[in-house]
N, C-alpha and C. Protein backbone atom coordinates (compact mmCIF):
# COMPACT_ATOMS: atom_id res chain seq x y z
N MET A 1 59.25 11.43 -49.20
CA MET A 1 58.21 10.60 -49.78
C MET A 1 58.66 9.14 -49.88
N GLN A 2 59.94 8.93 -50.20
CA GLN A 2 60.46 7.57 -50.32
C GLN A 2 60.46 6.87 -48.96
N GLU A 3 60.86 7.62 -47.93
CA GLU A 3 60.90 7.03 -46.60
C GLU A 3 59.50 6.70 -46.09
N ALA A 4 58.52 7.51 -46.47
CA ALA A 4 57.15 7.29 -46.03
C ALA A 4 56.39 6.32 -46.93
N GLY A 5 57.02 5.88 -48.01
CA GLY A 5 56.36 4.96 -48.92
C GLY A 5 55.30 5.61 -49.77
N LEU A 6 55.48 6.91 -50.07
CA LEU A 6 54.50 7.65 -50.85
C LEU A 6 54.93 7.73 -52.31
N MET A 7 53.96 7.74 -53.20
CA MET A 7 54.22 7.88 -54.62
C MET A 7 53.39 9.02 -55.19
N SER A 8 53.98 9.78 -56.09
CA SER A 8 53.27 10.89 -56.72
C SER A 8 52.34 10.36 -57.81
N LYS A 9 51.10 10.87 -57.80
CA LYS A 9 50.13 10.49 -58.83
C LYS A 9 49.90 11.69 -59.73
N GLN A 10 50.23 11.57 -61.00
CA GLN A 10 50.12 12.66 -61.96
C GLN A 10 48.98 12.40 -62.94
N PRO A 11 48.26 13.46 -63.35
CA PRO A 11 47.22 13.27 -64.36
C PRO A 11 47.80 12.74 -65.66
N GLY A 12 47.01 11.93 -66.36
CA GLY A 12 47.45 11.44 -67.66
C GLY A 12 47.46 12.54 -68.70
N SER A 13 48.04 12.26 -69.84
CA SER A 13 48.10 13.26 -70.90
C SER A 13 46.71 13.47 -71.48
N HIS A 14 46.45 14.68 -71.97
CA HIS A 14 45.15 14.97 -72.56
C HIS A 14 45.20 14.69 -74.05
N ARG A 15 44.04 14.37 -74.62
CA ARG A 15 43.95 14.01 -76.04
C ARG A 15 43.58 15.24 -76.86
N TYR A 16 44.56 15.95 -77.30
CA TYR A 16 44.30 17.14 -78.11
C TYR A 16 45.17 17.10 -79.34
N LYS A 17 44.55 17.12 -80.50
CA LYS A 17 45.28 17.04 -81.77
C LYS A 17 45.65 18.43 -82.26
N HIS A 18 46.88 18.59 -82.64
CA HIS A 18 47.37 19.86 -83.19
C HIS A 18 47.42 19.78 -84.72
N ALA A 19 47.30 20.92 -85.33
CA ALA A 19 47.32 20.96 -86.79
C ALA A 19 48.68 20.50 -87.32
N LYS A 20 48.65 19.69 -88.36
CA LYS A 20 49.89 19.19 -88.94
C LYS A 20 50.25 19.91 -90.23
N SER A 21 49.30 20.63 -90.80
CA SER A 21 49.56 21.34 -92.05
C SER A 21 48.80 22.66 -92.06
N GLU A 22 49.30 23.61 -92.81
CA GLU A 22 48.68 24.93 -92.91
C GLU A 22 47.36 24.85 -93.66
N ARG A 23 46.31 25.54 -93.13
CA ARG A 23 45.02 25.59 -93.81
C ARG A 23 44.98 26.82 -94.71
N LEU A 24 45.45 26.66 -95.93
CA LEU A 24 45.50 27.78 -96.86
C LEU A 24 44.11 28.20 -97.32
N ASP A 25 43.12 27.30 -97.16
CA ASP A 25 41.76 27.62 -97.59
C ASP A 25 41.00 28.44 -96.55
N ILE A 26 41.57 28.57 -95.34
CA ILE A 26 40.94 29.39 -94.29
C ILE A 26 41.97 30.43 -93.85
N PRO A 27 42.00 31.60 -94.44
CA PRO A 27 43.04 32.59 -94.17
C PRO A 27 42.90 33.24 -92.79
N ASN A 28 43.99 33.84 -92.36
CA ASN A 28 44.00 34.59 -91.11
C ASN A 28 43.48 36.00 -91.41
N LEU A 29 42.18 36.17 -91.41
CA LEU A 29 41.57 37.47 -91.72
C LEU A 29 41.74 38.47 -90.59
N LEU A 30 41.83 37.98 -89.36
CA LEU A 30 41.92 38.89 -88.21
C LEU A 30 43.27 39.61 -88.15
N LYS A 31 44.35 38.87 -88.42
CA LYS A 31 45.71 39.42 -88.49
C LYS A 31 46.08 40.22 -87.23
N ARG A 32 45.70 39.68 -86.09
CA ARG A 32 46.02 40.26 -84.78
C ARG A 32 45.46 41.67 -84.58
N GLU A 33 44.40 42.00 -85.30
CA GLU A 33 43.72 43.28 -85.09
C GLU A 33 42.69 43.08 -83.97
N PHE A 34 43.17 43.14 -82.75
CA PHE A 34 42.34 42.79 -81.60
C PHE A 34 41.48 43.95 -81.10
N SER A 35 41.67 45.14 -81.61
CA SER A 35 40.84 46.28 -81.23
C SER A 35 39.64 46.34 -82.18
N VAL A 36 38.46 46.10 -81.63
CA VAL A 36 37.22 46.04 -82.42
C VAL A 36 36.29 47.14 -81.95
N ILE A 37 35.58 47.78 -82.86
CA ILE A 37 34.83 48.99 -82.52
C ILE A 37 33.43 48.74 -81.98
N ALA A 38 32.93 47.52 -82.09
CA ALA A 38 31.56 47.25 -81.64
C ALA A 38 31.39 45.77 -81.33
N PRO A 39 30.40 45.41 -80.52
CA PRO A 39 30.13 43.99 -80.23
C PRO A 39 29.68 43.25 -81.49
N ASN A 40 29.86 41.95 -81.46
CA ASN A 40 29.38 41.05 -82.52
C ASN A 40 30.00 41.32 -83.89
N ARG A 41 31.19 41.88 -83.88
CA ARG A 41 31.95 42.02 -85.13
C ARG A 41 32.93 40.85 -85.28
N VAL A 42 33.63 40.55 -84.17
CA VAL A 42 34.61 39.45 -84.17
C VAL A 42 34.45 38.63 -82.91
N TRP A 43 34.28 37.33 -83.09
CA TRP A 43 34.32 36.38 -81.98
C TRP A 43 35.57 35.53 -82.11
N CYS A 44 36.16 35.17 -80.98
CA CYS A 44 37.30 34.25 -80.95
C CYS A 44 36.91 32.99 -80.21
N GLY A 45 37.48 31.88 -80.58
CA GLY A 45 37.20 30.62 -79.92
C GLY A 45 38.44 29.80 -79.71
N ASP A 46 38.41 28.97 -78.66
CA ASP A 46 39.53 28.07 -78.41
C ASP A 46 39.07 27.00 -77.42
N ILE A 47 39.91 25.99 -77.24
CA ILE A 47 39.62 24.87 -76.33
C ILE A 47 40.80 24.67 -75.40
N THR A 48 40.52 24.44 -74.13
CA THR A 48 41.55 24.10 -73.15
C THR A 48 41.09 22.89 -72.37
N TYR A 49 41.91 22.41 -71.46
CA TYR A 49 41.60 21.21 -70.71
C TYR A 49 41.64 21.48 -69.21
N ILE A 50 40.75 20.82 -68.47
CA ILE A 50 40.60 20.99 -67.03
C ILE A 50 40.53 19.61 -66.38
N TRP A 51 41.28 19.40 -65.30
CA TRP A 51 41.23 18.11 -64.61
C TRP A 51 39.99 18.05 -63.73
N SER A 52 39.18 17.01 -63.91
CA SER A 52 37.96 16.86 -63.10
C SER A 52 37.75 15.39 -62.78
N GLY A 53 37.78 15.07 -61.50
CA GLY A 53 37.62 13.69 -61.08
C GLY A 53 38.87 12.89 -61.37
N SER A 54 38.77 11.96 -62.28
CA SER A 54 39.92 11.10 -62.62
C SER A 54 40.30 11.21 -64.08
N LYS A 55 39.87 12.30 -64.74
CA LYS A 55 40.15 12.43 -66.16
C LYS A 55 40.12 13.90 -66.57
N TRP A 56 40.54 14.15 -67.78
CA TRP A 56 40.50 15.50 -68.33
C TRP A 56 39.11 15.81 -68.85
N SER A 57 38.68 17.04 -68.61
CA SER A 57 37.50 17.59 -69.28
C SER A 57 37.99 18.70 -70.20
N TYR A 58 37.20 18.99 -71.23
CA TYR A 58 37.63 19.96 -72.24
C TYR A 58 36.63 21.11 -72.30
N LEU A 59 37.17 22.31 -72.27
CA LEU A 59 36.36 23.53 -72.21
C LEU A 59 36.54 24.34 -73.50
N ALA A 60 35.43 24.57 -74.20
CA ALA A 60 35.43 25.44 -75.38
C ALA A 60 34.76 26.75 -75.01
N VAL A 61 35.35 27.86 -75.42
CA VAL A 61 34.83 29.18 -75.08
C VAL A 61 34.78 30.04 -76.33
N VAL A 62 33.74 30.89 -76.42
CA VAL A 62 33.63 31.89 -77.47
C VAL A 62 33.67 33.26 -76.80
N LEU A 63 34.55 34.12 -77.28
CA LEU A 63 34.78 35.44 -76.69
C LEU A 63 34.45 36.53 -77.70
N ASP A 64 33.68 37.53 -77.29
CA ASP A 64 33.46 38.70 -78.15
C ASP A 64 34.66 39.62 -77.99
N LEU A 65 35.36 39.85 -79.07
CA LEU A 65 36.63 40.57 -79.01
C LEU A 65 36.47 42.03 -78.61
N PHE A 66 35.30 42.63 -78.87
CA PHE A 66 35.12 44.04 -78.55
C PHE A 66 35.34 44.32 -77.06
N SER A 67 34.67 43.58 -76.21
CA SER A 67 34.73 43.82 -74.77
C SER A 67 35.41 42.69 -74.01
N ARG A 68 35.86 41.65 -74.74
CA ARG A 68 36.41 40.44 -74.14
C ARG A 68 35.36 39.71 -73.30
N ARG A 69 34.10 39.81 -73.71
CA ARG A 69 33.01 39.16 -72.99
C ARG A 69 32.84 37.72 -73.45
N VAL A 70 32.71 36.80 -72.51
CA VAL A 70 32.41 35.41 -72.84
C VAL A 70 30.95 35.33 -73.25
N VAL A 71 30.70 34.88 -74.47
CA VAL A 71 29.33 34.81 -74.97
C VAL A 71 28.87 33.37 -75.19
N GLY A 72 29.77 32.43 -75.10
CA GLY A 72 29.40 31.03 -75.24
C GLY A 72 30.46 30.13 -74.67
N TRP A 73 30.06 28.98 -74.15
CA TRP A 73 31.03 28.00 -73.64
C TRP A 73 30.37 26.64 -73.54
N SER A 74 31.21 25.61 -73.47
CA SER A 74 30.71 24.24 -73.31
C SER A 74 31.83 23.40 -72.70
N LEU A 75 31.43 22.42 -71.88
CA LEU A 75 32.40 21.53 -71.23
C LEU A 75 32.02 20.09 -71.53
N SER A 76 33.01 19.26 -71.88
CA SER A 76 32.74 17.88 -72.25
C SER A 76 33.97 17.03 -71.96
N ASP A 77 33.78 15.70 -71.98
CA ASP A 77 34.93 14.82 -71.81
C ASP A 77 35.57 14.47 -73.15
N LYS A 78 35.07 15.07 -74.24
CA LYS A 78 35.64 14.83 -75.56
C LYS A 78 35.97 16.16 -76.24
N PRO A 79 37.21 16.34 -76.72
CA PRO A 79 37.59 17.58 -77.40
C PRO A 79 37.26 17.52 -78.88
N ASP A 80 35.97 17.41 -79.20
CA ASP A 80 35.58 17.19 -80.58
C ASP A 80 34.83 18.38 -81.17
N ALA A 81 34.39 18.23 -82.41
CA ALA A 81 33.68 19.31 -83.10
C ALA A 81 32.35 19.62 -82.42
N GLU A 82 31.73 18.63 -81.81
CA GLU A 82 30.47 18.85 -81.10
C GLU A 82 30.66 19.83 -79.96
N LEU A 83 31.76 19.72 -79.24
CA LEU A 83 32.08 20.63 -78.14
C LEU A 83 32.19 22.07 -78.65
N ALA A 84 32.96 22.26 -79.70
CA ALA A 84 33.13 23.60 -80.28
C ALA A 84 31.81 24.14 -80.81
N SER A 85 31.01 23.28 -81.40
CA SER A 85 29.73 23.69 -81.98
C SER A 85 28.75 24.13 -80.89
N LYS A 86 28.73 23.43 -79.76
CA LYS A 86 27.82 23.80 -78.68
C LYS A 86 28.16 25.18 -78.11
N ALA A 87 29.45 25.48 -78.00
CA ALA A 87 29.87 26.80 -77.53
C ALA A 87 29.42 27.88 -78.52
N LEU A 88 29.55 27.59 -79.81
CA LEU A 88 29.12 28.53 -80.84
C LEU A 88 27.60 28.71 -80.82
N ASP A 89 26.86 27.61 -80.63
CA ASP A 89 25.41 27.69 -80.56
C ASP A 89 24.97 28.61 -79.42
N MET A 90 25.61 28.46 -78.28
CA MET A 90 25.27 29.30 -77.12
C MET A 90 25.53 30.77 -77.44
N ALA A 91 26.67 31.05 -78.06
CA ALA A 91 26.99 32.44 -78.41
C ALA A 91 25.96 33.00 -79.39
N TRP A 92 25.59 32.22 -80.37
CA TRP A 92 24.63 32.65 -81.40
C TRP A 92 23.29 33.04 -80.77
N GLU A 93 22.83 32.23 -79.82
CA GLU A 93 21.55 32.51 -79.17
C GLU A 93 21.68 33.64 -78.15
N GLN A 94 22.76 33.63 -77.37
CA GLN A 94 22.96 34.66 -76.35
C GLN A 94 23.03 36.06 -76.97
N ARG A 95 23.61 36.14 -78.14
CA ARG A 95 23.78 37.44 -78.80
C ARG A 95 22.66 37.74 -79.80
N VAL A 96 21.58 36.98 -79.71
CA VAL A 96 20.37 37.22 -80.49
C VAL A 96 20.64 37.14 -81.99
N ARG A 97 21.34 36.10 -82.39
CA ARG A 97 21.55 35.76 -83.80
C ARG A 97 22.06 36.94 -84.64
N PRO A 98 23.24 37.44 -84.33
CA PRO A 98 23.76 38.62 -85.05
C PRO A 98 24.19 38.29 -86.48
N LYS A 99 24.36 39.34 -87.27
CA LYS A 99 24.80 39.21 -88.66
C LYS A 99 26.21 39.77 -88.81
N ASN A 100 26.87 39.32 -89.86
CA ASN A 100 28.19 39.85 -90.26
C ASN A 100 29.24 39.68 -89.17
N VAL A 101 29.26 38.51 -88.55
CA VAL A 101 30.26 38.19 -87.53
C VAL A 101 31.41 37.43 -88.17
N MET A 102 32.62 37.71 -87.70
CA MET A 102 33.79 36.91 -88.04
C MET A 102 34.14 36.04 -86.85
N PHE A 103 34.43 34.76 -87.09
CA PHE A 103 34.85 33.85 -86.02
C PHE A 103 36.30 33.46 -86.26
N HIS A 104 37.14 33.73 -85.25
CA HIS A 104 38.57 33.44 -85.37
C HIS A 104 38.98 32.37 -84.36
N SER A 105 39.83 31.46 -84.79
CA SER A 105 40.32 30.40 -83.91
C SER A 105 41.71 29.96 -84.36
N ASP A 106 42.28 29.02 -83.61
CA ASP A 106 43.50 28.39 -84.09
C ASP A 106 43.13 27.31 -85.11
N GLN A 107 44.11 26.52 -85.52
CA GLN A 107 43.86 25.52 -86.55
C GLN A 107 43.52 24.15 -85.97
N GLY A 108 42.93 24.15 -84.78
CA GLY A 108 42.51 22.90 -84.18
C GLY A 108 41.54 22.15 -85.09
N CYS A 109 41.61 20.82 -85.04
CA CYS A 109 40.78 20.00 -85.94
C CYS A 109 39.29 20.23 -85.68
N GLN A 110 38.93 20.66 -84.46
CA GLN A 110 37.52 20.92 -84.16
C GLN A 110 36.98 22.06 -85.02
N TYR A 111 37.80 23.07 -85.22
CA TYR A 111 37.36 24.27 -85.93
C TYR A 111 37.48 24.13 -87.45
N SER A 112 38.29 23.20 -87.89
CA SER A 112 38.40 22.96 -89.33
C SER A 112 37.53 21.79 -89.79
N SER A 113 36.81 21.19 -88.84
CA SER A 113 35.97 20.04 -89.17
C SER A 113 34.78 20.45 -90.04
N ARG A 114 34.25 19.48 -90.74
CA ARG A 114 33.08 19.74 -91.59
C ARG A 114 31.89 20.16 -90.74
N LYS A 115 31.69 19.51 -89.61
CA LYS A 115 30.56 19.81 -88.74
C LYS A 115 30.58 21.26 -88.29
N PHE A 116 31.73 21.74 -87.82
CA PHE A 116 31.82 23.12 -87.32
C PHE A 116 31.69 24.13 -88.45
N ARG A 117 32.32 23.85 -89.59
CA ARG A 117 32.26 24.78 -90.71
C ARG A 117 30.84 24.88 -91.28
N GLN A 118 30.12 23.78 -91.23
CA GLN A 118 28.72 23.83 -91.67
C GLN A 118 27.89 24.68 -90.71
N ARG A 119 28.21 24.63 -89.42
CA ARG A 119 27.50 25.47 -88.44
C ARG A 119 27.78 26.95 -88.70
N LEU A 120 29.02 27.28 -89.02
CA LEU A 120 29.35 28.66 -89.36
C LEU A 120 28.59 29.10 -90.61
N TRP A 121 28.51 28.22 -91.61
CA TRP A 121 27.80 28.53 -92.84
C TRP A 121 26.32 28.78 -92.54
N ARG A 122 25.74 27.96 -91.68
CA ARG A 122 24.32 28.11 -91.34
C ARG A 122 24.06 29.47 -90.68
N TYR A 123 24.99 29.91 -89.86
CA TYR A 123 24.83 31.18 -89.16
C TYR A 123 25.36 32.37 -89.97
N ARG A 124 25.86 32.10 -91.16
CA ARG A 124 26.43 33.14 -92.03
C ARG A 124 27.58 33.87 -91.34
N ILE A 125 28.45 33.11 -90.71
CA ILE A 125 29.61 33.65 -90.01
C ILE A 125 30.86 33.39 -90.85
N THR A 126 31.68 34.41 -91.02
CA THR A 126 32.93 34.30 -91.77
C THR A 126 34.00 33.68 -90.89
N GLN A 127 34.75 32.73 -91.42
CA GLN A 127 35.77 32.05 -90.62
C GLN A 127 37.16 32.59 -90.89
N SER A 128 37.92 32.73 -89.80
CA SER A 128 39.32 33.16 -89.85
C SER A 128 40.12 32.21 -88.96
N MET A 129 41.34 31.89 -89.37
CA MET A 129 42.17 30.99 -88.59
C MET A 129 43.57 31.55 -88.41
N SER A 130 44.13 31.30 -87.22
CA SER A 130 45.52 31.66 -86.96
C SER A 130 46.44 30.88 -87.89
N ARG A 131 47.63 31.39 -88.08
CA ARG A 131 48.63 30.62 -88.78
C ARG A 131 49.08 29.46 -87.90
N ARG A 132 49.47 28.37 -88.51
CA ARG A 132 49.86 27.19 -87.74
C ARG A 132 51.06 27.49 -86.85
N GLY A 133 50.91 27.15 -85.56
CA GLY A 133 52.00 27.34 -84.62
C GLY A 133 52.16 28.74 -84.10
N ASN A 134 51.24 29.66 -84.43
CA ASN A 134 51.32 31.04 -83.97
C ASN A 134 50.24 31.30 -82.92
N CYS A 135 50.55 30.98 -81.67
CA CYS A 135 49.55 31.13 -80.61
C CYS A 135 49.16 32.59 -80.38
N TRP A 136 50.06 33.53 -80.71
CA TRP A 136 49.75 34.94 -80.48
C TRP A 136 48.71 35.46 -81.47
N ASP A 137 48.43 34.71 -82.53
CA ASP A 137 47.37 35.10 -83.45
C ASP A 137 46.00 35.02 -82.79
N ASN A 138 45.92 34.29 -81.67
CA ASN A 138 44.67 34.17 -80.92
C ASN A 138 44.93 34.51 -79.45
N ALA A 139 45.73 35.55 -79.23
CA ALA A 139 46.19 35.91 -77.89
C ALA A 139 45.07 36.18 -76.88
N PRO A 140 43.95 36.82 -77.24
CA PRO A 140 42.91 37.06 -76.24
C PRO A 140 42.37 35.78 -75.61
N MET A 141 42.30 34.69 -76.39
CA MET A 141 41.84 33.43 -75.83
C MET A 141 42.89 32.84 -74.89
N GLU A 142 44.16 32.96 -75.26
CA GLU A 142 45.23 32.47 -74.40
C GLU A 142 45.21 33.22 -73.06
N ARG A 143 44.92 34.52 -73.13
CA ARG A 143 44.87 35.34 -71.92
C ARG A 143 43.69 34.92 -71.03
N LEU A 144 42.55 34.66 -71.63
CA LEU A 144 41.39 34.23 -70.86
C LEU A 144 41.67 32.92 -70.13
N PHE A 145 42.22 31.94 -70.83
CA PHE A 145 42.49 30.65 -70.22
C PHE A 145 43.56 30.76 -69.14
N ARG A 146 44.53 31.63 -69.34
CA ARG A 146 45.54 31.83 -68.31
C ARG A 146 44.92 32.41 -67.04
N SER A 147 44.01 33.38 -67.22
CA SER A 147 43.33 33.97 -66.06
C SER A 147 42.48 32.93 -65.34
N LEU A 148 41.74 32.13 -66.10
CA LEU A 148 40.89 31.10 -65.51
C LEU A 148 41.71 30.14 -64.67
N LYS A 149 42.82 29.67 -65.20
CA LYS A 149 43.60 28.63 -64.52
C LYS A 149 44.44 29.17 -63.37
N THR A 150 44.89 30.41 -63.47
CA THR A 150 45.74 30.95 -62.40
C THR A 150 44.91 31.62 -61.30
N GLU A 151 43.75 32.16 -61.64
CA GLU A 151 42.94 32.88 -60.65
C GLU A 151 41.86 32.01 -60.02
N TRP A 152 41.44 30.96 -60.69
CA TRP A 152 40.19 30.33 -60.27
C TRP A 152 40.24 28.82 -60.11
N VAL A 153 40.66 28.10 -61.11
CA VAL A 153 40.62 26.63 -61.06
C VAL A 153 41.55 26.12 -59.96
N PRO A 154 41.07 25.24 -59.06
CA PRO A 154 41.92 24.69 -58.00
C PRO A 154 43.16 24.01 -58.58
N ALA A 155 44.27 24.12 -57.86
CA ALA A 155 45.53 23.55 -58.34
C ALA A 155 45.42 22.05 -58.58
N THR A 156 44.56 21.37 -57.81
CA THR A 156 44.39 19.93 -57.95
C THR A 156 43.22 19.58 -58.85
N GLY A 157 42.58 20.58 -59.47
CA GLY A 157 41.44 20.33 -60.34
C GLY A 157 40.16 20.18 -59.53
N TYR A 158 39.13 19.63 -60.17
CA TYR A 158 37.82 19.46 -59.53
C TYR A 158 37.57 17.98 -59.22
N LEU A 159 36.69 17.74 -58.25
CA LEU A 159 36.37 16.36 -57.87
C LEU A 159 35.52 15.67 -58.93
N THR A 160 34.61 16.43 -59.54
CA THR A 160 33.74 15.87 -60.57
C THR A 160 33.56 16.87 -61.70
N GLN A 161 33.09 16.39 -62.84
CA GLN A 161 32.81 17.28 -63.96
C GLN A 161 31.64 18.19 -63.65
N THR A 162 30.67 17.70 -62.89
CA THR A 162 29.52 18.52 -62.49
C THR A 162 29.98 19.71 -61.67
N GLN A 163 30.90 19.47 -60.74
CA GLN A 163 31.45 20.55 -59.94
C GLN A 163 32.21 21.54 -60.82
N ALA A 164 32.95 21.01 -61.78
CA ALA A 164 33.71 21.87 -62.69
C ALA A 164 32.78 22.76 -63.50
N LYS A 165 31.69 22.21 -64.03
CA LYS A 165 30.74 22.98 -64.82
C LYS A 165 30.15 24.13 -64.00
N LYS A 166 29.74 23.84 -62.79
CA LYS A 166 29.11 24.86 -61.95
C LYS A 166 30.09 25.99 -61.62
N ASP A 167 31.30 25.63 -61.26
CA ASP A 167 32.28 26.63 -60.84
C ASP A 167 32.79 27.44 -62.03
N ILE A 168 33.05 26.79 -63.15
CA ILE A 168 33.54 27.49 -64.33
C ILE A 168 32.46 28.39 -64.92
N SER A 169 31.20 27.93 -64.86
CA SER A 169 30.09 28.76 -65.32
C SER A 169 30.02 30.07 -64.53
N TYR A 170 30.19 29.98 -63.22
CA TYR A 170 30.16 31.19 -62.40
C TYR A 170 31.32 32.12 -62.76
N TYR A 171 32.50 31.55 -62.95
CA TYR A 171 33.66 32.39 -63.28
C TYR A 171 33.45 33.11 -64.60
N LEU A 172 33.06 32.37 -65.63
CA LEU A 172 32.97 32.94 -66.97
C LEU A 172 31.82 33.94 -67.10
N MET A 173 30.62 33.53 -66.68
CA MET A 173 29.42 34.31 -66.97
C MET A 173 29.12 35.37 -65.90
N ASP A 174 29.65 35.21 -64.73
CA ASP A 174 29.40 36.19 -63.67
C ASP A 174 30.66 36.96 -63.32
N TYR A 175 31.64 36.29 -62.72
CA TYR A 175 32.83 37.01 -62.26
C TYR A 175 33.61 37.65 -63.40
N TYR A 176 33.95 36.86 -64.42
CA TYR A 176 34.77 37.38 -65.51
C TYR A 176 34.02 38.43 -66.32
N ASN A 177 32.75 38.15 -66.64
CA ASN A 177 31.98 39.06 -67.48
C ASN A 177 31.51 40.31 -66.75
N ARG A 178 31.13 40.18 -65.49
CA ARG A 178 30.44 41.26 -64.80
C ARG A 178 31.26 41.97 -63.72
N GLN A 179 32.29 41.31 -63.20
CA GLN A 179 33.01 41.89 -62.07
C GLN A 179 34.48 42.17 -62.35
N ARG A 180 35.14 41.30 -63.05
CA ARG A 180 36.58 41.40 -63.20
C ARG A 180 36.96 42.57 -64.12
N PRO A 181 37.79 43.51 -63.64
CA PRO A 181 38.25 44.60 -64.52
C PRO A 181 39.20 44.07 -65.58
N HIS A 182 39.17 44.70 -66.76
CA HIS A 182 40.00 44.24 -67.87
C HIS A 182 40.78 45.41 -68.43
N GLN A 183 42.07 45.20 -68.61
CA GLN A 183 42.95 46.26 -69.10
C GLN A 183 42.50 46.76 -70.47
N ALA A 184 42.02 45.87 -71.32
CA ALA A 184 41.59 46.26 -72.67
C ALA A 184 40.36 47.15 -72.63
N ASN A 185 39.63 47.15 -71.51
CA ASN A 185 38.43 47.98 -71.35
C ASN A 185 38.66 49.18 -70.44
N ASP A 186 39.91 49.60 -70.31
CA ASP A 186 40.25 50.71 -69.41
C ASP A 186 39.80 50.44 -67.98
N GLY A 187 39.94 49.21 -67.55
CA GLY A 187 39.61 48.85 -66.18
C GLY A 187 38.16 48.45 -65.94
N LEU A 188 37.34 48.45 -66.98
CA LEU A 188 35.95 48.06 -66.84
C LEU A 188 35.79 46.56 -67.10
N SER A 189 34.75 45.98 -66.50
CA SER A 189 34.41 44.60 -66.83
C SER A 189 33.82 44.57 -68.23
N PRO A 190 33.78 43.41 -68.89
CA PRO A 190 33.20 43.33 -70.23
C PRO A 190 31.77 43.84 -70.31
N VAL A 191 30.93 43.48 -69.35
CA VAL A 191 29.53 43.95 -69.37
C VAL A 191 29.47 45.47 -69.23
N ASN A 192 30.25 46.03 -68.34
CA ASN A 192 30.25 47.49 -68.16
C ASN A 192 30.81 48.20 -69.39
N ALA A 193 31.76 47.58 -70.07
CA ALA A 193 32.30 48.17 -71.30
C ALA A 193 31.23 48.24 -72.37
N GLU A 194 30.41 47.19 -72.49
CA GLU A 194 29.32 47.21 -73.47
C GLU A 194 28.24 48.20 -73.07
N ASN A 195 27.97 48.30 -71.77
CA ASN A 195 26.98 49.28 -71.30
C ASN A 195 27.44 50.71 -71.55
N ARG A 196 28.73 50.95 -71.42
CA ARG A 196 29.28 52.28 -71.70
C ARG A 196 29.08 52.64 -73.17
N LEU A 197 29.31 51.67 -74.06
CA LEU A 197 29.10 51.92 -75.48
C LEU A 197 27.64 52.27 -75.76
N LYS A 198 26.72 51.55 -75.12
CA LYS A 198 25.29 51.81 -75.33
C LYS A 198 24.92 53.22 -74.87
N SER A 199 25.46 53.65 -73.73
CA SER A 199 25.11 54.97 -73.21
C SER A 199 25.68 56.09 -74.08
N VAL A 200 26.87 55.84 -74.67
CA VAL A 200 27.50 56.85 -75.52
C VAL A 200 26.81 56.91 -76.89
N SER A 201 26.47 55.75 -77.44
CA SER A 201 25.91 55.71 -78.80
C SER A 201 24.40 55.83 -78.82
N GLY A 202 23.77 55.66 -77.66
CA GLY A 202 22.32 55.71 -77.61
C GLY A 202 21.65 54.41 -78.00
N ILE A 203 22.46 53.33 -78.09
CA ILE A 203 21.89 52.02 -78.43
C ILE A 203 21.11 51.49 -77.24
N CYS A 204 19.94 50.95 -77.47
CA CYS A 204 19.14 50.38 -76.39
C CYS A 204 19.45 48.91 -76.21
């Protein structure tokens, strides 16, 4: 590269704030109990970053822990409470406004913000948070993002945010939810795992 006069161009750092203190007012109610007996009992949420064009984009996802099904997501150039709230809004509508849901996340400022907590209160959703610095407390989300980035997202990122939205939407809502087998579902995709529950329980 030196002989050819080439220089490496690296993406800039992403703007993501980590928790600086423990949130004692929002306990870890989930306590790594990742086996859930039915849909809409526990949702998990998290935010990751994706390179698109000449900057970072931020992806918020909501996962139903029962089947590991993606029920909500949002992509933006800002990792703020609005991003997390939009993903939650999508999940709330997609799942037909369920009751008695627990929402678990890490201690990111987006999830501890007043805006997001008010949204949870409006939907009557109980909040749970990982302990500070314990990424395994939200392991299913870490696994989803690892699969997305290693199986799907191009190594050089996307050319535009529009391209990123289209491609990530297909991965999450079609391939991941409907086609990809999941070890936690005995090899079934999330949609097929939920359909199996309906056929066994007689739920329509």
